[in-house]
C-alpha atoms as a PDB file:
ATOM      1  CA  MET A   1    -136.654-159.260 -14.877  1.00  0.00           C
ATOM      2  CA  SER A   2    -140.365-159.262 -15.999  1.00  0.00           C
ATOM      3  CA  ASP A   3    -142.394-158.587 -18.850  1.00  0.00           C
ATOM      4  CA  LYS A   4    -143.447-155.273 -16.842  1.00  0.00           C
ATOM      5  CA  LEU A   5    -140.395-154.389 -14.873  1.00  0.00           C
ATOM      6  CA  GLN A   6    -138.802-154.137 -18.192  1.00  0.00           C
ATOM      7  CA  GLU A   7    -141.379-152.305 -19.901  1.00  0.00           C
ATOM      8  CA  THR A   8    -141.597-149.568 -16.896  1.00  0.00           C
ATOM      9  CA  THR A   9    -137.587-149.692 -17.422  1.00  0.00           C
ATOM     10  CA  LYS A  10    -138.112-148.300 -20.886  1.00  0.00           C
ATOM     11  CA  LYS A  11    -141.198-145.972 -19.969  1.00  0.00           C
ATOM     12  CA  ASP A  12    -138.406-144.529 -17.334  1.00  0.00           C
ATOM     13  CA  ASN A  13    -135.678-143.614 -20.061  1.00  0.00           C
ATOM     14  CA  MET A  14    -138.017-142.176 -22.453  1.00  0.00           C
ATOM     15  CA  ILE A  15    -137.158-138.364 -22.072  1.00  0.00           C
ATOM     16  CA  PRO A  16    -139.236-136.112 -23.433  1.00  0.00           C
ATOM     17  CA  LEU A  17    -138.295-132.531 -25.421  1.00  0.00           C
ATOM     18  CA  SER A  18    -139.808-129.277 -25.931  1.00  0.00           C
ATOM     19  CA  ASN A  19    -140.868-129.657 -29.943  1.00  0.00           C
ATOM     20  CA  ASP A  20    -142.812-132.765 -28.343  1.00  0.00           C
ATOM     21  CA  LYS A  21    -140.962-135.366 -29.523  1.00  0.00           C
ATOM     22  CA  THR A  22    -139.282-137.512 -27.095  1.00  0.00           C
ATOM     23  CA  ILE A  23    -135.940-139.876 -26.486  1.00  0.00           C
ATOM     24  CA  PHE A  24    -134.592-143.486 -25.086  1.00  0.00           C
ATOM     25  CA  MET A  25    -131.701-142.948 -23.463  1.00  0.00           C
ATOM     26  CA  ARG A  26    -130.645-146.409 -22.979  1.00  0.00           C
ATOM     27  CA  THR A  27    -129.024-147.723 -19.238  1.00  0.00           C
ATOM     28  CA  PRO A  28    -125.456-147.022 -20.511  1.00  0.00           C
ATOM     29  CA  LYS A  29    -123.255-149.783 -19.992  1.00  0.00           C
ATOM     30  CA  LEU A  30    -119.461-150.234 -17.826  1.00  0.00           C
ATOM     31  CA  ARG A  31    -118.169-150.400 -22.122  1.00  0.00           C
ATOM     32  CA  ASP A  32    -120.006-147.056 -22.603  1.00  0.00           C
ATOM     33  CA  VAL A  33    -117.858-145.707 -19.946  1.00  0.00           C
ATOM     34  CA  ARG A  34    -114.892-147.083 -20.666  1.00  0.00           C
ATOM     35  CA  ALA A  35    -115.121-146.027 -24.797  1.00  0.00           C
ATOM     36  CA  VAL A  36    -115.424-142.639 -23.792  1.00  0.00           C
ATOM     37  CA  LYS A  37    -112.624-142.217 -20.729  1.00  0.00           C
ATOM     38  CA  HIS A  38    -109.815-141.684 -23.138  1.00  0.00           C
ATOM     39  CA  ILE A  39    -111.691-137.645 -23.283  1.00  0.00           C
ATOM     40  CA  VAL A  40    -110.569-135.072 -21.737  1.00  0.00           C
ATOM     41  CA  ASP A  41    -112.504-131.940 -22.044  1.00  0.00           C
ATOM     42  CA  ILE A  42    -115.330-132.909 -19.360  1.00  0.00           C
ATOM     43  CA  GLU A  43    -118.420-131.880 -21.794  1.00  0.00           C
ATOM     44  CA  ASP A  44    -116.276-133.403 -25.445  1.00  0.00           C
ATOM     45  CA  ARG A  45    -117.094-137.325 -22.918  1.00  0.00           C
ATOM     46  CA  GLU A  46    -120.638-136.614 -21.935  1.00  0.00           C
ATOM     47  CA  VAL A  47    -121.902-136.076 -25.308  1.00  0.00           C
ATOM     48  CA  ALA A  48    -120.349-138.600 -26.404  1.00  0.00           C
ATOM     49  CA  LEU A  49    -121.714-140.836 -24.149  1.00  0.00           C
ATOM     50  CA  ILE A  50    -125.476-139.394 -24.953  1.00  0.00           C
ATOM     51  CA  SER A  51    -124.897-140.074 -28.103  1.00  0.00           C
ATOM     52  CA  ASN A  52    -123.476-143.226 -27.846  1.00  0.00           C
ATOM     53  CA  LEU A  53    -126.563-144.301 -25.122  1.00  0.00           C
ATOM     54  CA  THR A  54    -129.327-141.743 -27.311  1.00  0.00           C
ATOM     55  CA  GLY A  55    -128.099-143.062 -30.986  1.00  0.00           C
ATOM     56  CA  LEU A  56    -128.411-139.523 -31.960  1.00  0.00           C
ATOM     57  CA  SER A  57    -125.272-137.811 -33.542  1.00  0.00           C
ATOM     58  CA  GLU A  58    -123.215-135.492 -32.131  1.00  0.00           C
ATOM     59  CA  ASP A  59    -124.157-132.499 -34.931  1.00  0.00           C
ATOM     60  CA  GLU A  60    -127.896-133.975 -34.305  1.00  0.00           C
ATOM     61  CA  LEU A  61    -126.946-132.867 -30.060  1.00  0.00           C
ATOM     62  CA  ASP A  62    -124.891-129.627 -31.321  1.00  0.00           C
ATOM     63  CA  ASP A  63    -128.268-129.170 -32.815  1.00  0.00           C
ATOM     64  CA  LEU A  64    -131.193-129.439 -30.021  1.00  0.00           C
ATOM     65  CA  ASP A  65    -132.506-126.718 -27.142  1.00  0.00           C
ATOM     66  CA  TYR A  66    -129.736-126.703 -24.865  1.00  0.00           C
ATOM     67  CA  GLN A  67    -133.470-127.148 -22.079  1.00  0.00           C
ATOM     68  CA  ASP A  68    -133.345-130.239 -24.518  1.00  0.00           C
ATOM     69  CA  TYR A  69    -129.923-131.158 -24.133  1.00  0.00           C
ATOM     70  CA  ASN A  70    -129.688-130.076 -20.299  1.00  0.00           C
ATOM     71  CA  LEU A  71    -132.352-132.857 -19.612  1.00  0.00           C
ATOM     72  CA  LEU A  72    -130.629-135.515 -21.823  1.00  0.00           C
ATOM     73  CA  ASP A  73    -127.059-134.015 -19.421  1.00  0.00           C
ATOM     74  CA  GLU A  74    -129.306-134.828 -16.633  1.00  0.00           C
ATOM     75  CA  ARG A  75    -130.309-138.310 -17.095  1.00  0.00           C
ATOM     76  CA  LEU A  76    -127.218-139.174 -18.124  1.00  0.00           C
ATOM     77  CA  ALA A  77    -126.095-137.907 -14.459  1.00  0.00           C
ATOM     78  CA  ALA A  78    -128.940-139.981 -12.560  1.00  0.00           C
ATOM     79  CA  PHE A  79    -127.838-143.227 -14.435  1.00  0.00           C
ATOM     80  CA  LEU A  80    -123.994-142.299 -13.064  1.00  0.00           C
ATOM     81  CA  LEU A  81    -124.734-140.831  -9.599  1.00  0.00           C
ATOM     82  CA  PRO A  82    -125.891-143.521  -7.737  1.00  0.00           C
ATOM     83  CA  VAL A  83    -122.714-144.819  -6.208  1.00  0.00           C
ATOM     84  CA  GLY A  84    -122.326-141.129  -5.007  1.00  0.00           C
ATOM     85  CA  LYS A  85    -120.451-139.063  -8.060  1.00  0.00           C
ATOM     86  CA  ASN A  86    -120.215-138.835 -11.372  1.00  0.00           C
ATOM     87  CA  ILE A  87    -118.284-140.826 -12.675  1.00  0.00           C
ATOM     88  CA  LEU A  88    -117.673-138.600 -16.186  1.00  0.00           C
ATOM     89  CA  ARG A  89    -116.040-136.106 -13.357  1.00  0.00           C
ATOM     90  CA  ALA A  90    -113.834-138.688 -11.425  1.00  0.00           C
END
């Protein structure tokens, strides 16, 4: 993979928040999704996965404005939807 492609991918994973801060969310790997499959509650599962992908604790996510959390949740959904369904909700 070229350096330019990696830079673009990293930029694409930067999520601007309403407080002028930016959060990086890495692309999930299969092991990330498998690690949260045991969590029954869908919202808890999504929070755990977002926490893992951003490096933010669940407490830090709880302190985000809901609008900002929704941006993270939408980015997570975009990562999981290319095959046509959200695998966390299956």
